[in-house]
């Protein structure tokens, strides 16, 4: 992505973050692999690396509270049975983000049928 000031760095999300003060930290389909406590740890490590104006961007499904589509529910059941991970509702994401010392800024839904969204959070 030359010319945009963006660099891709592959990193173990459970390890201490090596890149300090980035404008954004982007996680795509990472946190649904983990139970809540591990997610809070991952987000806390990102928070520690954040500058005052850094964004944490979480690209995951945001499930409706009721009447979810089969395509939304099935991956969550697989994640729960295989990895003890899960897909989450907006309230569950807000809870994780808050527990990690971040503040939910906005949710951008880019795939309405599945609920795929980018959740933008800031350091508190």
PDB file of N, CA and C in Angstrom:
ATOM      1  N   UNK A   1       0.826  -1.187   0.000  1.00  0.00           N
ATOM      2  CA  UNK A   1       0.000   0.000   0.000  1.00  0.00           C
ATOM      3  C   UNK A   1       0.872   1.253   0.000  1.00  0.00           C
ATOM      4  N   UNK A   2       1.907   1.224  -0.760  1.00  0.00           N
ATOM      5  CA  UNK A   2       2.822   2.357  -0.826  1.00  0.00           C
ATOM      6  C   UNK A   2       2.069   3.631  -1.189  1.00  0.00           C
ATOM      7  N   UNK A   3       2.460   4.717  -0.588  1.00  0.00           N
ATOM      8  CA  UNK A   3       1.844   6.001  -0.890  1.00  0.00           C
ATOM      9  C   UNK A   3       0.721   6.372   0.057  1.00  0.00           C
ATOM     10  N   UNK A   4       0.246   5.438   0.821  1.00  0.00           N
ATOM     11  CA  UNK A   4      -0.836   5.731   1.766  1.00  0.00           C
ATOM     12  C   UNK A   4      -0.343   5.768   3.204  1.00  0.00           C
ATOM     13  N   UNK A   5       0.908   5.472   3.416  1.00  0.00           N
ATOM     14  CA  UNK A   5       1.459   5.464   4.762  1.00  0.00           C
ATOM     15  C   UNK A   5       0.978   4.283   5.592  1.00  0.00           C
ATOM     16  N   UNK A   6       0.543   3.220   4.907  1.00  0.00           N
ATOM     17  CA  UNK A   6       0.039   2.030   5.593  1.00  0.00           C
ATOM     18  C   UNK A   6       1.046   0.908   5.427  1.00  0.00           C
ATOM     19  N   UNK A   7       1.349   0.251   6.517  1.00  0.00           N
ATOM     20  CA  UNK A   7       2.241  -0.904   6.479  1.00  0.00           C
ATOM     21  C   UNK A   7       1.531  -2.088   7.111  1.00  0.00           C
ATOM     22  N   UNK A   8       1.628  -3.232   6.475  1.00  0.00           N
ATOM     23  CA  UNK A   8       1.031  -4.452   6.983  1.00  0.00           C
ATOM     24  C   UNK A   8       2.052  -5.185   7.830  1.00  0.00           C
ATOM     25  N   UNK A   9       1.662  -5.516   9.055  1.00  0.00           N
ATOM     26  CA  UNK A   9       2.522  -6.275   9.947  1.00  0.00           C
ATOM     27  C   UNK A   9       1.705  -7.426  10.516  1.00  0.00           C
ATOM     28  N   UNK A  10       2.147  -8.638  10.268  1.00  0.00           N
ATOM     29  CA  UNK A  10       1.505  -9.814  10.833  1.00  0.00           C
ATOM     30  C   UNK A  10       2.012  -9.953  12.261  1.00  0.00           C
ATOM     31  N   UNK A  11       1.096 -10.172  13.177  1.00  0.00           N
ATOM     32  CA  UNK A  11       1.476 -10.174  14.588  1.00  0.00           C
ATOM     33  C   UNK A  11       0.553 -11.095  15.371  1.00  0.00           C
ATOM     34  N   UNK A  12       1.090 -11.809  16.331  1.00  0.00           N
ATOM     35  CA  UNK A  12       0.287 -12.635  17.223  1.00  0.00           C
ATOM     36  C   UNK A  12      -0.505 -11.706  18.135  1.00  0.00           C
ATOM     37  N   UNK A  13      -1.844 -11.716  18.034  1.00  0.00           N
ATOM     38  CA  UNK A  13      -2.628 -10.764  18.822  1.00  0.00           C
ATOM     39  C   UNK A  13      -2.567 -11.003  20.320  1.00  0.00           C
ATOM     40  N   UNK A  14      -2.134 -12.191  20.743  1.00  0.00           N
ATOM     41  CA  UNK A  14      -2.053 -12.467  22.179  1.00  0.00           C
ATOM     42  C   UNK A  14      -0.712 -12.040  22.770  1.00  0.00           C
ATOM     43  N   UNK A  15       0.229 -11.666  21.920  1.00  0.00           N
ATOM     44  CA  UNK A  15       1.545 -11.222  22.391  1.00  0.00           C
ATOM     45  C   UNK A  15       1.532  -9.711  22.631  1.00  0.00           C
ATOM     46  N   UNK A  16       2.545  -9.225  23.313  1.00  0.00           N
ATOM     47  CA  UNK A  16       2.685  -7.786  23.535  1.00  0.00           C
ATOM     48  C   UNK A  16       2.842  -7.102  22.182  1.00  0.00           C
ATOM     49  N   UNK A  17       2.143  -6.010  21.993  1.00  0.00           N
ATOM     50  CA  UNK A  17       2.161  -5.280  20.722  1.00  0.00           C
ATOM     51  C   UNK A  17       3.515  -4.596  20.545  1.00  0.00           C
ATOM     52  N   UNK A  18       4.141  -4.847  19.390  1.00  0.00           N
ATOM     53  CA  UNK A  18       5.469  -4.305  19.118  1.00  0.00           C
ATOM     54  C   UNK A  18       5.431  -2.931  18.459  1.00  0.00           C
ATOM     55  N   UNK A  19       4.319  -2.591  17.842  1.00  0.00           N
ATOM     56  CA  UNK A  19       4.212  -1.344  17.091  1.00  0.00           C
ATOM     57  C   UNK A  19       3.457  -0.325  17.939  1.00  0.00           C
ATOM     58  N   UNK A  20       4.184   0.647  18.426  1.00  0.00           N
ATOM     59  CA  UNK A  20       3.657   1.614  19.376  1.00  0.00           C
ATOM     60  C   UNK A  20       3.253   2.895  18.649  1.00  0.00           C
ATOM     61  N   UNK A  21       2.063   3.410  18.978  1.00  0.00           N
ATOM     62  CA  UNK A  21       1.630   4.706  18.483  1.00  0.00           C
ATOM     63  C   UNK A  21       1.131   4.729  17.054  1.00  0.00           C
ATOM     64  N   UNK A  22       0.705   3.593  16.511  1.00  0.00           N
ATOM     65  CA  UNK A  22       0.174   3.577  15.141  1.00  0.00           C
ATOM     66  C   UNK A  22      -1.137   4.372  15.080  1.00  0.00           C
ATOM     67  N   UNK A  23      -1.457   4.875  13.907  1.00  0.00           N
ATOM     68  CA  UNK A  23      -2.738   5.586  13.729  1.00  0.00           C
ATOM     69  C   UNK A  23      -3.908   4.632  13.873  1.00  0.00           C
ATOM     70  N   UNK A  24      -3.725   3.359  13.461  1.00  0.00           N
ATOM     71  CA  UNK A  24      -4.813   2.381  13.561  1.00  0.00           C
ATOM     72  C   UNK A  24      -4.238   0.983  13.746  1.00  0.00           C
ATOM     73  N   UNK A  25      -4.975   0.193  14.486  1.00  0.00           N
ATOM     74  CA  UNK A  25      -4.694  -1.227  14.663  1.00  0.00           C
ATOM     75  C   UNK A  25      -5.934  -1.959  14.167  1.00  0.00           C
ATOM     76  N   UNK A  26      -5.759  -2.838  13.182  1.00  0.00           N
ATOM     77  CA  UNK A  26      -6.887  -3.488  12.512  1.00  0.00           C
ATOM     78  C   UNK A  26      -6.853  -4.985  12.771  1.00  0.00           C
ATOM     79  N   UNK A  27      -7.945  -5.493  13.322  1.00  0.00           N
ATOM     80  CA  UNK A  27      -8.109  -6.927  13.569  1.00  0.00           C
ATOM     81  C   UNK A  27      -9.302  -7.417  12.751  1.00  0.00           C
ATOM     82  N   UNK A  28      -9.071  -8.371  11.872  1.00  0.00           N
ATOM     83  CA  UNK A  28     -10.174  -8.917  11.065  1.00  0.00           C
ATOM     84  C   UNK A  28     -10.365 -10.387  11.413  1.00  0.00           C
ATOM     85  N   UNK A  29     -11.552 -10.699  11.897  1.00  0.00           N
ATOM     86  CA  UNK A  29     -11.913 -12.082  12.240  1.00  0.00           C
ATOM     87  C   UNK A  29     -10.880 -12.727  13.157  1.00  0.00           C
ATOM     88  N   UNK A  30     -10.453 -11.987  14.157  1.00  0.00           N
ATOM     89  CA  UNK A  30      -9.488 -12.487  15.129  1.00  0.00           C
ATOM     90  C   UNK A  30     -10.183 -12.783  16.455  1.00  0.00           C
ATOM     91  N   UNK A  31     -10.908 -11.812  16.970  1.00  0.00           N
ATOM     92  CA  UNK A  31     -11.441 -11.923  18.325  1.00  0.00           C
ATOM     93  C   UNK A  31     -12.539 -12.967  18.459  1.00  0.00           C
ATOM     94  N   UNK A  32     -13.214 -13.297  17.372  1.00  0.00           N
ATOM     95  CA  UNK A  32     -14.252 -14.329  17.491  1.00  0.00           C
ATOM     96  C   UNK A  32     -13.657 -15.702  17.780  1.00  0.00           C
ATOM     97  N   UNK A  33     -12.340 -15.838  17.642  1.00  0.00           N
ATOM     98  CA  UNK A  33     -11.664 -17.107  17.942  1.00  0.00           C
ATOM     99  C   UNK A  33     -11.456 -17.323  19.437  1.00  0.00           C
ATOM    100  N   UNK A  34     -11.647 -16.284  20.235  1.00  0.00           N
ATOM    101  CA  UNK A  34     -11.269 -16.336  21.639  1.00  0.00           C
ATOM    102  C   UNK A  34     -12.449 -16.102  22.576  1.00  0.00           C
ATOM    103  N   UNK A  35     -12.358 -16.675  23.791  1.00  0.00           N
ATOM    104  CA  UNK A  35     -13.354 -16.359  24.822  1.00  0.00           C
ATOM    105  C   UNK A  35     -13.151 -14.919  25.313  1.00  0.00           C
ATOM    106  N   UNK A  36     -14.109 -14.417  26.059  1.00  0.00           N
ATOM    107  CA  UNK A  36     -14.110 -13.016  26.484  1.00  0.00           C
ATOM    108  C   UNK A  36     -12.821 -12.581  27.176  1.00  0.00           C
ATOM    109  N   UNK A  37     -12.347 -13.357  28.138  1.00  0.00           N
ATOM    110  CA  UNK A  37     -11.166 -12.934  28.905  1.00  0.00           C
ATOM    111  C   UNK A  37      -9.942 -12.757  28.018  1.00  0.00           C
ATOM    112  N   UNK A  38      -9.760 -13.636  27.056  1.00  0.00           N
ATOM    113  CA  UNK A  38      -8.622 -13.522  26.130  1.00  0.00           C
ATOM    114  C   UNK A  38      -8.806 -12.283  25.239  1.00  0.00           C
ATOM    115  N   UNK A  39     -10.034 -12.018  24.817  1.00  0.00           N
ATOM    116  CA  UNK A  39     -10.300 -10.819  24.001  1.00  0.00           C
ATOM    117  C   UNK A  39      -9.961  -9.550  24.766  1.00  0.00           C
ATOM    118  N   UNK A  40     -10.331  -9.515  26.027  1.00  0.00           N
ATOM    119  CA  UNK A  40     -10.018  -8.338  26.847  1.00  0.00           C
ATOM    120  C   UNK A  40      -8.502  -8.162  26.930  1.00  0.00           C
ATOM    121  N   UNK A  41      -7.761  -9.243  27.108  1.00  0.00           N
ATOM    122  CA  UNK A  41      -6.295  -9.177  27.163  1.00  0.00           C
ATOM    123  C   UNK A  41      -5.723  -8.638  25.854  1.00  0.00           C
ATOM    124  N   UNK A  42      -6.205  -9.150  24.718  1.00  0.00           N
ATOM    125  CA  UNK A  42      -5.733  -8.681  23.409  1.00  0.00           C
ATOM    126  C   UNK A  42      -6.010  -7.187  23.262  1.00  0.00           C
ATOM    127  N   UNK A  43      -7.211  -6.756  23.603  1.00  0.00           N
ATOM    128  CA  UNK A  43      -7.574  -5.342  23.468  1.00  0.00           C
ATOM    129  C   UNK A  43      -6.798  -4.465  24.442  1.00  0.00           C
ATOM    130  N   UNK A  44      -6.524  -4.956  25.640  1.00  0.00           N
ATOM    131  CA  UNK A  44      -5.719  -4.185  26.595  1.00  0.00           C
ATOM    132  C   UNK A  44      -4.299  -3.982  26.072  1.00  0.00           C
ATOM    133  N   UNK A  45      -3.750  -5.000  25.440  1.00  0.00           N
ATOM    134  CA  UNK A  45      -2.394  -4.865  24.875  1.00  0.00           C
ATOM    135  C   UNK A  45      -2.380  -3.847  23.742  1.00  0.00           C
ATOM    136  N   UNK A  46      -3.433  -3.849  22.947  1.00  0.00           N
ATOM    137  CA  UNK A  46      -3.533  -2.831  21.896  1.00  0.00           C
ATOM    138  C   UNK A  46      -3.678  -1.448  22.512  1.00  0.00           C
ATOM    139  N   UNK A  47      -4.488  -1.334  23.550  1.00  0.00           N
ATOM    140  CA  UNK A  47      -4.684  -0.049  24.214  1.00  0.00           C
ATOM    141  C   UNK A  47      -3.359   0.503  24.724  1.00  0.00           C
ATOM    142  N   UNK A  48      -2.530  -0.360  25.293  1.00  0.00           N
ATOM    143  CA  UNK A  48      -1.229   0.068  25.808  1.00  0.00           C
ATOM    144  C   UNK A  48      -0.341   0.611  24.686  1.00  0.00           C
ATOM    145  N   UNK A  49      -0.491   0.085  23.483  1.00  0.00           N
ATOM    146  CA  UNK A  49       0.320   0.520  22.343  1.00  0.00           C
ATOM    147  C   UNK A  49      -0.224   1.783  21.687  1.00  0.00           C
ATOM    148  N   UNK A  50      -1.492   2.083  21.928  1.00  0.00           N
ATOM    149  CA  UNK A  50      -2.155   3.207  21.257  1.00  0.00           C
ATOM    150  C   UNK A  50      -1.594   4.558  21.664  1.00  0.00           C
ATOM    151  N   UNK A  51      -1.535   5.452  20.692  1.00  0.00           N
ATOM    152  CA  UNK A  51      -1.322   6.868  20.972  1.00  0.00           C
ATOM    153  C   UNK A  51      -2.686   7.450  21.351  1.00  0.00           C
ATOM    154  N   UNK A  52      -2.702   8.695  21.759  1.00  0.00           N
ATOM    155  CA  UNK A  52      -3.962   9.326  22.170  1.00  0.00           C
ATOM    156  C   UNK A  52      -4.998   9.338  21.048  1.00  0.00           C
ATOM    157  N   UNK A  53      -4.545   9.395  19.794  1.00  0.00           N
ATOM    158  CA  UNK A  53      -5.485   9.473  18.671  1.00  0.00           C
ATOM    159  C   UNK A  53      -5.560   8.180  17.850  1.00  0.00           C
ATOM    160  N   UNK A  54      -5.007   7.098  18.349  1.00  0.00           N
ATOM    161  CA  UNK A  54      -5.051   5.818  17.622  1.00  0.00           C
ATOM    162  C   UNK A  54      -6.467   5.251  17.617  1.00  0.00           C
ATOM    163  N   UNK A  55      -6.779   4.555  16.539  1.00  0.00           N
ATOM    164  CA  UNK A  55      -8.039   3.817  16.440  1.00  0.00           C
ATOM    165  C   UNK A  55      -7.764   2.325  16.520  1.00  0.00           C
ATOM    166  N   UNK A  56      -8.628   1.612  17.192  1.00  0.00           N
ATOM    167  CA  UNK A  56      -8.621   0.160  17.155  1.00  0.00           C
ATOM    168  C   UNK A  56      -9.822  -0.230  16.310  1.00  0.00           C
ATOM    169  N   UNK A  57      -9.564  -0.905  15.194  1.00  0.00           N
ATOM    170  CA  UNK A  57     -10.614  -1.289  14.251  1.00  0.00           C
ATOM    171  C   UNK A  57     -10.806  -2.797  14.318  1.00  0.00           C
ATOM    172  N   UNK A  58     -12.001  -3.208  14.698  1.00  0.00           N
ATOM    173  CA  UNK A  58     -12.327  -4.611  14.885  1.00  0.00           C
ATOM    174  C   UNK A  58     -13.334  -4.997  13.815  1.00  0.00           C
ATOM    175  N   UNK A  59     -12.922  -5.839  12.879  1.00  0.00           N
ATOM    176  CA  UNK A  59     -13.771  -6.257  11.754  1.00  0.00           C
ATOM    177  C   UNK A  59     -14.315  -7.651  12.059  1.00  0.00           C
ATOM    178  N   UNK A  60     -15.550  -7.698  12.543  1.00  0.00           N
ATOM    179  CA  UNK A  60     -16.183  -8.942  12.986  1.00  0.00           C
ATOM    180  C   UNK A  60     -17.690  -8.860  12.726  1.00  0.00           C
ATOM    181  N   UNK A  61     -18.357  -9.989  12.925  1.00  0.00           N
ATOM    182  CA  UNK A  61     -19.815 -10.002  12.891  1.00  0.00           C
ATOM    183  C   UNK A  61     -20.358  -9.320  14.141  1.00  0.00           C
ATOM    184  N   UNK A  62     -21.425  -8.566  13.965  1.00  0.00           N
ATOM    185  CA  UNK A  62     -22.180  -8.022  15.086  1.00  0.00           C
ATOM    186  C   UNK A  62     -23.576  -8.610  14.948  1.00  0.00           C
ATOM    187  N   UNK A  63     -23.890  -9.537  15.829  1.00  0.00           N
ATOM    188  CA  UNK A  63     -25.152 -10.265  15.734  1.00  0.00           C
ATOM    189  C   UNK A  63     -26.311  -9.451  16.285  1.00  0.00           C
ATOM    190  N   UNK A  64     -27.499  -9.667  15.718  1.00  0.00           N
ATOM    191  CA  UNK A  64     -28.688  -9.050  16.310  1.00  0.00           C
ATOM    192  C   UNK A  64     -29.009  -9.747  17.637  1.00  0.00           C
ATOM    193  N   UNK A  65     -29.755  -9.090  18.489  1.00  0.00           N
ATOM    194  CA  UNK A  65     -30.112  -9.671  19.778  1.00  0.00           C
ATOM    195  C   UNK A  65     -31.057 -10.859  19.591  1.00  0.00           C
ATOM    196  N   UNK A  66     -31.941 -10.772  18.604  1.00  0.00           N
ATOM    197  CA  UNK A  66     -32.889 -11.863  18.329  1.00  0.00           C
ATOM    198  C   UNK A  66     -33.066 -11.995  16.826  1.00  0.00           C
ATOM    199  N   UNK A  67     -33.583 -13.124  16.427  1.00  0.00           N
ATOM    200  CA  UNK A  67     -33.928 -13.377  15.017  1.00  0.00           C
ATOM    201  C   UNK A  67     -32.732 -13.307  14.083  1.00  0.00           C
ATOM    202  N   UNK A  68     -31.596 -13.842  14.516  1.00  0.00           N
ATOM    203  CA  UNK A  68     -30.429 -13.888  13.652  1.00  0.00           C
ATOM    204  C   UNK A  68     -30.651 -14.837  12.482  1.00  0.00           C
ATOM    205  N   UNK A  69     -30.008 -14.540  11.372  1.00  0.00           N
ATOM    206  CA  UNK A  69     -30.075 -15.393  10.194  1.00  0.00           C
ATOM    207  C   UNK A  69     -29.222 -16.638  10.418  1.00  0.00           C
ATOM    208  N   UNK A  70     -29.585 -17.718   9.749  1.00  0.00           N
ATOM    209  CA  UNK A  70     -28.828 -18.967   9.871  1.00  0.00           C
ATOM    210  C   UNK A  70     -27.353 -18.735   9.547  1.00  0.00           C
ATOM    211  N   UNK A  71     -27.081 -17.919   8.531  1.00  0.00           N
ATOM    212  CA  UNK A  71     -25.711 -17.650   8.121  1.00  0.00           C
ATOM    213  C   UNK A  71     -24.932 -16.918   9.212  1.00  0.00           C
ATOM    214  N   UNK A  72     -25.634 -16.200  10.091  1.00  0.00           N
ATOM    215  CA  UNK A  72     -24.985 -15.507  11.192  1.00  0.00           C
ATOM    216  C   UNK A  72     -24.752 -16.445  12.372  1.00  0.00           C
ATOM    217  N   UNK A  73     -25.708 -17.306  12.626  1.00  0.00           N
ATOM    218  CA  UNK A  73     -25.677 -18.139  13.824  1.00  0.00           C
ATOM    219  C   UNK A  73     -24.736 -19.338  13.673  1.00  0.00           C
ATOM    220  N   UNK A  74     -24.705 -19.955  12.504  1.00  0.00           N
ATOM    221  CA  UNK A  74     -23.889 -21.151  12.321  1.00  0.00           C
ATOM    222  C   UNK A  74     -22.403 -20.934  12.602  1.00  0.00           C
ATOM    223  N   UNK A  75     -21.779 -19.863  12.107  1.00  0.00           N
ATOM    224  CA  UNK A  75     -20.355 -19.672  12.436  1.00  0.00           C
ATOM    225  C   UNK A  75     -20.123 -19.546  13.941  1.00  0.00           C
ATOM    226  N   UNK A  76     -21.038 -18.888  14.644  1.00  0.00           N
ATOM    227  CA  UNK A  76     -20.898 -18.744  16.089  1.00  0.00           C
ATOM    228  C   UNK A  76     -20.949 -20.077  16.797  1.00  0.00           C
ATOM    229  N   UNK A  77     -21.814 -20.956  16.347  1.00  0.00           N
ATOM    230  CA  UNK A  77     -21.893 -22.284  16.941  1.00  0.00           C
ATOM    231  C   UNK A  77     -20.619 -23.079  16.679  1.00  0.00           C
ATOM    232  N   UNK A  78     -20.075 -22.955  15.469  1.00  0.00           N
ATOM    233  CA  UNK A  78     -18.816 -23.634  15.157  1.00  0.00           C
ATOM    234  C   UNK A  78     -17.682 -23.091  16.018  1.00  0.00           C
ATOM    235  N   UNK A  79     -17.610 -21.766  16.144  1.00  0.00           N
ATOM    236  CA  UNK A  79     -16.541 -21.152  16.943  1.00  0.00           C
ATOM    237  C   UNK A  79     -16.634 -21.623  18.394  1.00  0.00           C
ATOM    238  N   UNK A  80     -17.835 -21.688  18.919  1.00  0.00           N
ATOM    239  CA  UNK A  80     -18.023 -22.104  20.300  1.00  0.00           C
ATOM    240  C   UNK A  80     -17.609 -23.552  20.495  1.00  0.00           C
ATOM    241  N   UNK A  81     -17.989 -24.412  19.552  1.00  0.00           N
ATOM    242  CA  UNK A  81     -17.691 -25.830  19.725  1.00  0.00           C
ATOM    243  C   UNK A  81     -16.224 -26.168  19.449  1.00  0.00           C
ATOM    244  N   UNK A  82     -15.574 -25.465  18.535  1.00  0.00           N
ATOM    245  CA  UNK A  82     -14.187 -25.774  18.181  1.00  0.00           C
ATOM    246  C   UNK A  82     -13.175 -25.061  19.067  1.00  0.00           C
ATOM    247  N   UNK A  83     -13.395 -23.791  19.309  1.00  0.00           N
ATOM    248  CA  UNK A  83     -12.353 -22.947  19.901  1.00  0.00           C
ATOM    249  C   UNK A  83     -12.762 -22.246  21.187  1.00  0.00           C
ATOM    250  N   UNK A  84     -13.945 -22.459  21.653  1.00  0.00           N
ATOM    251  CA  UNK A  84     -14.552 -21.709  22.751  1.00  0.00           C
ATOM    252  C   UNK A  84     -14.630 -20.218  22.423  1.00  0.00           C
ATOM    253  N   UNK A  85     -14.607 -19.897  21.150  1.00  0.00           N
ATOM    254  CA  UNK A  85     -14.808 -18.528  20.698  1.00  0.00           C
ATOM    255  C   UNK A  85     -16.271 -18.318  20.393  1.00  0.00           C
ATOM    256  N   UNK A  86     -16.616 -17.132  19.900  1.00  0.00           N
ATOM    257  CA  UNK A  86     -18.021 -16.860  19.613  1.00  0.00           C
ATOM    258  C   UNK A  86     -18.187 -15.602  18.781  1.00  0.00           C
ATOM    259  N   UNK A  87     -19.311 -15.541  18.090  1.00  0.00           N
ATOM    260  CA  UNK A  87     -19.738 -14.293  17.477  1.00  0.00           C
ATOM    261  C   UNK A  87     -20.486 -13.528  18.566  1.00  0.00           C
ATOM    262  N   UNK A  88     -20.531 -12.193  18.469  1.00  0.00           N
ATOM    263  CA  UNK A  88     -21.073 -11.396  19.566  1.00  0.00           C
ATOM    264  C   UNK A  88     -22.083 -10.357  19.084  1.00  0.00           C
ATOM    265  N   UNK A  89     -22.957  -9.965  20.014  1.00  0.00           N
ATOM    266  CA  UNK A  89     -23.907  -8.877  19.763  1.00  0.00           C
ATOM    267  C   UNK A  89     -23.206  -7.545  20.018  1.00  0.00           C
ATOM    268  N   UNK A  90     -23.844  -6.456  19.653  1.00  0.00           N
ATOM    269  CA  UNK A  90     -23.276  -5.124  19.895  1.00  0.00           C
ATOM    270  C   UNK A  90     -23.016  -4.913  21.389  1.00  0.00           C
ATOM    271  N   UNK A  91     -23.958  -5.326  22.234  1.00  0.00           N
ATOM    272  CA  UNK A  91     -23.789  -5.151  23.679  1.00  0.00           C
ATOM    273  C   UNK A  91     -22.580  -5.944  24.184  1.00  0.00           C
ATOM    274  N   UNK A  92     -22.379  -7.135  23.657  1.00  0.00           N
ATOM    275  CA  UNK A  92     -21.220  -7.931  24.068  1.00  0.00           C
ATOM    276  C   UNK A  92     -19.920  -7.283  23.619  1.00  0.00           C
ATOM    277  N   UNK A  93     -19.898  -6.726  22.391  1.00  0.00           N
ATOM    278  CA  UNK A  93     -18.702  -6.013  21.932  1.00  0.00           C
ATOM    279  C   UNK A  93     -18.447  -4.792  22.802  1.00  0.00           C
ATOM    280  N   UNK A  94     -19.487  -4.027  23.112  1.00  0.00           N
ATOM    281  CA  UNK A  94     -19.328  -2.842  23.959  1.00  0.00           C
ATOM    282  C   UNK A  94     -18.737  -3.223  25.314  1.00  0.00           C
ATOM    283  N   UNK A  95     -19.204  -4.318  25.880  1.00  0.00           N
ATOM    284  CA  UNK A  95     -18.713  -4.790  27.166  1.00  0.00           C
ATOM    285  C   UNK A  95     -17.219  -5.114  27.088  1.00  0.00           C
ATOM    286  N   UNK A  96     -16.808  -5.890  26.071  1.00  0.00           N
ATOM    287  CA  UNK A  96     -15.385  -6.243  25.927  1.00  0.00           C
ATOM    288  C   UNK A  96     -14.519  -4.998  25.753  1.00  0.00           C
ATOM    289  N   UNK A  97     -14.975  -4.111  24.895  1.00  0.00           N
ATOM    290  CA  UNK A  97     -14.217  -2.894  24.598  1.00  0.00           C
ATOM    291  C   UNK A  97     -14.061  -2.040  25.853  1.00  0.00           C
ATOM    292  N   UNK A  98     -15.135  -1.889  26.593  1.00  0.00           N
ATOM    293  CA  UNK A  98     -15.108  -1.103  27.829  1.00  0.00           C
ATOM    294  C   UNK A  98     -14.190  -1.733  28.875  1.00  0.00           C
ATOM    295  N   UNK A  99     -14.275  -3.039  29.038  1.00  0.00           N
ATOM    296  CA  UNK A  99     -13.427  -3.742  30.013  1.00  0.00           C
ATOM    297  C   UNK A  99     -11.943  -3.598  29.688  1.00  0.00           C
ATOM    298  N   UNK A 100     -11.624  -3.406  28.416  1.00  0.00           N
ATOM    299  CA  UNK A 100     -10.231  -3.257  27.993  1.00  0.00           C
ATOM    300  C   UNK A 100      -9.729  -1.820  28.117  1.00  0.00           C
ATOM    301  N   UNK A 101     -10.588  -0.888  28.546  1.00  0.00           N
ATOM    302  CA  UNK A 101     -10.170   0.499  28.682  1.00  0.00           C
ATOM    303  C   UNK A 101     -10.263   1.283  27.390  1.00  0.00           C
ATOM    304  N   UNK A 102     -11.112   0.788  26.482  1.00  0.00           N
ATOM    305  CA  UNK A 102     -11.362   1.480  25.221  1.00  0.00           C
ATOM    306  C   UNK A 102     -12.806   1.973  25.216  1.00  0.00           C
ATOM    307  N   UNK A 103     -13.098   2.865  24.289  1.00  0.00           N
ATOM    308  CA  UNK A 103     -14.452   3.391  24.162  1.00  0.00           C
ATOM    309  C   UNK A 103     -14.935   3.180  22.731  1.00  0.00           C
ATOM    310  N   UNK A 104     -16.097   2.574  22.590  1.00  0.00           N
ATOM    311  CA  UNK A 104     -16.662   2.370  21.261  1.00  0.00           C
ATOM    312  C   UNK A 104     -17.016   3.727  20.668  1.00  0.00           C
ATOM    313  N   UNK A 105     -16.488   3.991  19.495  1.00  0.00           N
ATOM    314  CA  UNK A 105     -16.744   5.275  18.834  1.00  0.00           C
ATOM    315  C   UNK A 105     -17.884   5.151  17.841  1.00  0.00           C
ATOM    316  N   UNK A 106     -17.818   4.094  17.006  1.00  0.00           N
ATOM    317  CA  UNK A 106     -18.833   3.920  15.971  1.00  0.00           C
ATOM    318  C   UNK A 106     -18.725   2.513  15.401  1.00  0.00           C
ATOM    319  N   UNK A 107     -19.847   2.022  14.889  1.00  0.00           N
ATOM    320  CA  UNK A 107     -19.870   0.733  14.211  1.00  0.00           C
ATOM    321  C   UNK A 107     -20.308   0.969  12.767  1.00  0.00           C
ATOM    322  N   UNK A 108     -19.518   0.479  11.837  1.00  0.00           N
ATOM    323  CA  UNK A 108     -19.806   0.600  10.410  1.00  0.00           C
ATOM    324  C   UNK A 108     -20.153  -0.796   9.884  1.00  0.00           C
ATOM    325  N   UNK A 109     -21.391  -1.009   9.477  1.00  0.00           N
ATOM    326  CA  UNK A 109     -21.786  -2.312   8.943  1.00  0.00           C
ATOM    327  C   UNK A 109     -21.536  -2.310   7.438  1.00  0.00           C
ATOM    328  N   UNK A 110     -20.711  -3.253   6.974  1.00  0.00           N
ATOM    329  CA  UNK A 110     -20.387  -3.309   5.548  1.00  0.00           C
ATOM    330  C   UNK A 110     -21.010  -4.508   4.856  1.00  0.00           C
ATOM    331  N   UNK A 111     -21.650  -5.396   5.599  1.00  0.00           N
ATOM    332  CA  UNK A 111     -22.350  -6.557   5.022  1.00  0.00           C
ATOM    333  C   UNK A 111     -23.582  -6.793   5.883  1.00  0.00           C
ATOM    334  N   UNK A 112     -24.707  -6.211   5.473  1.00  0.00           N
ATOM    335  CA  UNK A 112     -25.884  -6.221   6.328  1.00  0.00           C
ATOM    336  C   UNK A 112     -26.475  -7.607   6.532  1.00  0.00           C
ATOM    337  N   UNK A 113     -26.434  -8.464   5.532  1.00  0.00           N
ATOM    338  CA  UNK A 113     -27.037  -9.792   5.667  1.00  0.00           C
ATOM    339  C   UNK A 113     -26.363 -10.609   6.759  1.00  0.00           C
ATOM    340  N   UNK A 114     -25.042 -10.549   6.840  1.00  0.00           N
ATOM    341  CA  UNK A 114     -24.310 -11.295   7.849  1.00  0.00           C
ATOM    342  C   UNK A 114     -23.998 -10.484   9.106  1.00  0.00           C
ATOM    343  N   UNK A 115     -24.143  -9.186   9.010  1.00  0.00           N
ATOM    344  CA  UNK A 115     -23.810  -8.334  10.153  1.00  0.00           C
ATOM    345  C   UNK A 115     -22.329  -8.020  10.254  1.00  0.00           C
ATOM    346  N   UNK A 116     -21.576  -8.275   9.170  1.00  0.00           N
ATOM    347  CA  UNK A 116     -20.142  -7.957   9.197  1.00  0.00           C
ATOM    348  C   UNK A 116     -19.971  -6.452   9.364  1.00  0.00           C
ATOM    349  N   UNK A 117     -19.174  -6.077  10.339  1.00  0.00           N
ATOM    350  CA  UNK A 117     -19.035  -4.669  10.697  1.00  0.00           C
ATOM    351  C   UNK A 117     -17.606  -4.360  11.114  1.00  0.00           C
ATOM    352  N   UNK A 118     -17.251  -3.100  11.008  1.00  0.00           N
ATOM    353  CA  UNK A 118     -16.001  -2.607  11.574  1.00  0.00           C
ATOM    354  C   UNK A 118     -16.385  -1.751  12.783  1.00  0.00           C
ATOM    355  N   UNK A 119     -15.873  -2.163  13.920  1.00  0.00           N
ATOM    356  CA  UNK A 119     -16.126  -1.456  15.169  1.00  0.00           C
ATOM    357  C   UNK A 119     -14.910  -0.583  15.436  1.00  0.00           C
ATOM    358  N   UNK A 120     -15.126   0.718  15.525  1.00  0.00           N
ATOM    359  CA  UNK A 120     -14.025   1.656  15.787  1.00  0.00           C
ATOM    360  C   UNK A 120     -14.036   2.015  17.269  1.00  0.00           C
ATOM    361  N   UNK A 121     -12.885   1.846  17.911  1.00  0.00           N
ATOM    362  CA  UNK A 121     -12.761   2.141  19.342  1.00  0.00           C
ATOM    363  C   UNK A 121     -11.541   3.033  19.564  1.00  0.00           C
ATOM    364  N   UNK A 122     -11.634   3.842  20.604  1.00  0.00           N
ATOM    365  CA  UNK A 122     -10.558   4.764  20.986  1.00  0.00           C
ATOM    366  C   UNK A 122     -10.074   4.458  22.390  1.00  0.00           C
ATOM    367  N   UNK A 123      -8.858   4.832  22.655  1.00  0.00           N
ATOM    368  CA  UNK A 123      -8.305   4.715  24.009  1.00  0.00           C
ATOM    369  C   UNK A 123      -9.018   5.707  24.926  1.00  0.00           C
ATOM    370  N   UNK A 124      -9.338   5.254  26.132  1.00  0.00           N
ATOM    371  CA  UNK A 124      -9.995   6.144  27.109  1.00  0.00           C
ATOM    372  C   UNK A 124      -8.919   6.779  27.945  1.00  0.00           C
TER     373      UNK A 124
END
